[in-house]
Structures are given as structure tokens and as C-alpha cells.
Amino acid sequence: MLNGLDIIEITGRNVRDSWGYPGVEAEVILENGAHGRAAVSLGNTGRAEEQARLVNDWLSEIILFEDASDQGKIDRMLSQAAEETRAEEDGNQGVLALSMAVARAAGAGLCLPLYRYLGGTSAPVMPVPMMSMISGGDGDKGLDFHEIMIVPQGANSYSEGLRMGVEIYQTLKRLLSMSGFSTSTGDGGGFEPNMKNSEEALHYLMDAFMLTGYKPGEDVLVAINAEADRLYVKEDGTYCFSKESRKGGITINRSQKDMLAYYLRLADGFPICAVMNGLWKGDLEGREQMMKLLEHRTLLVSDDFAASNATVIRMEQAGTVTGALEMVEKARKAGHKVIIASDVQDTEESFLADMAAAVHADYVKSGAPCRGECTAKYNELLRIEEFYRKTWRAVMECSG
């Protein structure tokens, strides 16, 4: 046990997320005066007071006076307490907020930035940002696919990649406006133009790349987040493209075979580097076929490690800081690329950025390069990159 790192005070409170719905925030104070704070969205659940009360009462009693630097022990205690009180049935947001707050407090207590505390002393490998450009999903506008993202794979640094994303985003906005499309944005900040289908959206993206001065497939790539579970109709085993059907005037229900052919056509026509949740999660046979067809040219991303070569990790799914670190380790052992991602409904919490840098994630996905809840993560990564540039320059000057 390190001196002064015992937890002496815990507070849980309600805050507001990016949609205005309640979130839960945990704040932890250590014996040496260091403190940490973290917030998690609760969504439209009506459980705000219960989650804050859980942090203030039961969970705080469990870990009060424990050593904050023993993250594994803290997280085991929190998870066990949640199970015993059946709190996991109402969501683990309070547990996650407290787990992150403890990690942040421990880092502060050791005078370490959070990414150094989580990842050790080695310099971080900065992730490539996956930035949402065109949104779809549940709304009436947009596409049947959840979102289409850009990946500035040709950038020489994280900051350059982010700048490229911002430039393309603004160019796309002007291009859509000049073409008569709405430039209203969806929940993740991507535009929601009323286009015929995904191919049309991808063509507009290619135009935006070139108008901004970037070569498609060389400087910038494309990633598709299909969220195919939303499209899947279990009754007949097809994928319903309701928006494309409505705009085209004919019903478009794609079978498993049709979906595989569709992805092949998109991959042949556009520089697609990743497809996320391309088929219904329960269709392991189809997902394995998709791997055989596309794994040599495209990342196939899932959150369950099955029939994929890349894993998306969300703090909310992992449940605790330790859970997220264990998921990263499992993905690395499987030879997967790692994508650290936020949820669409989010807060201005930037913990995700520190986690991405700490675990040397290959990619970070946090919506469009706009909106405060998105840019909070992207900006934190800018600070991390800047710090290590200055540190490396100082080391080189001293060694010279």
C-alpha cells in the first residue's frame, strides 16, 4: 500500500449527458488530497437517482478506505457488490463511473497523467481516429446503415489525422448544402442527408476527399458501422433496408447471400478498410463466410471476438476499468486490431482517450469531429500527443 492513496470520501451525483438525459458521476477523494471524477450516461432509463444512490451508499461502503492504486481489487469488489445487490439488472453505470473515478484519483495521487497510470511508462502509440461523417440508424432521415466513417490512415500523426477529418467534414458539409441536401446532424455528429442509398453517400464522401485535396484509398479510407442487428428480421432471416425501400419505391430485403454480395460490391467500389457489425450477431455461419471473403482486405469488427479480426471495446460494455484492460488483452492475444469506442449517447467524459493511448489502441471511435462530447476525447488525445512530443524532444536534447 502506498502512503496517502486510501479512499476517504466518495460522492455520487446526477449530471446530464449529450441528449440532456441523466448521467451518473462519481467523485473520489484520497487521503493525500488527490481526487478523481468520472461520468457515465444512463440513457432514457429513469434510473438516475438509483445509480447515484448506489454510488453514495452501498458501493462507497464497500471500497471506502481501500488503496485506490489496487485497481484490480477495487473493481472485483465493485462487481461483486453489484451482483450481490442485483444492481447489474438496472445497469452497471454507477460501478463504471466509480471504477473510472478511482483510477483517475490514483493517477493524480501518484502525480501521473491518467494514460501513464493505466499504461505504464512506455510512450503511447497514438490511435488513428475513426470519425463519423454520415449518420443513419434509427431516425427517419439518413441511411439504413448506422454510420459511415472516415479513417485518415495516411496521416503522419494523430493531430494531422484529426485535422484531415475536420477538413473533410467541413468540405462535405458545403458539398451537401450546394447539392440541396440538409446538413442537420445525427446523434454522433454525422450528417443526415436524405440520400437514396449508401452508394450515393459514399460517392459524396469520395468527392469530399478529392475536393479537400486527399486521395481516396491512399490518404483516407472509409469504415462502415452497419449495426446489422437493427436491420435483421428474424421471422424471414432477411435484412430490411426500409429507408432505401421507401426512397426507391420498391421493397429491399437482403438475404445473407445478398448482404455478402453487397459488401463485396462496396469493397470493390470504395476504399473500405473496416465493416463493423456487418451481419446479425447470431449468424455465425454468415459471419464466417464474410471473413473468408473479406478478411484479406477489410477489418471485420465485432464486440464478441467471433468471426472477426478486430474488436471494438466500449467502457460501458466492459463494466470496469479492469474489464476494459482484460478485453484489450484478449483481443491482442487473438491477433485482433483494437478499436476503443464511445457510445452514441455520451457525456463530455474523456476517460476513453486516456484508455486508447494507454493500451496502444489501433483506432479510436468517438463520433464526428464536432459536438462537445466527441471533441472532448479527440482534444484529450491532442494533449497526450503534445506532451510526448515535448518529452521526446527534451530527451533527445539531453542525450545530444
Foldseek 3Di string as FASTA:
>chain_A
DDPFQAWADKAKDWDAWQVRAIKIKMKTATRVGFIFMFIWDLPPQPCRVVLRVCRHPQLCVQRHRHRLLPLVVSLVSLVVSCVVVVVVVSALRSSANVQLGSLCRNCVVVVHHSLCSQFPDDFFQAAWAWAFAFADPDDLFTFLAGTKTKTQPQDPDNVRNLVLQVQLNVLLLVVCVVVPFDQDADLLRHGGGRDLHVVVVQVSSCVSCVVSPHHFLNRMFMETERLQQVQADVVVQWGWGPSNCVSVVHTDTHHLVRLLVVVVVCVVVGRYAEYECSHNPPPLVSLLVSCVVPVVRHFYEYCPPGSTQAYEDESSVLSHPVSRVVSLVVSVVVNHQYEYEYDSTTHLGQVSLSVCRSSNHHYYYRYHCDDNSRVSNSVVNVVSVVVVVVVVVVVVVVVD
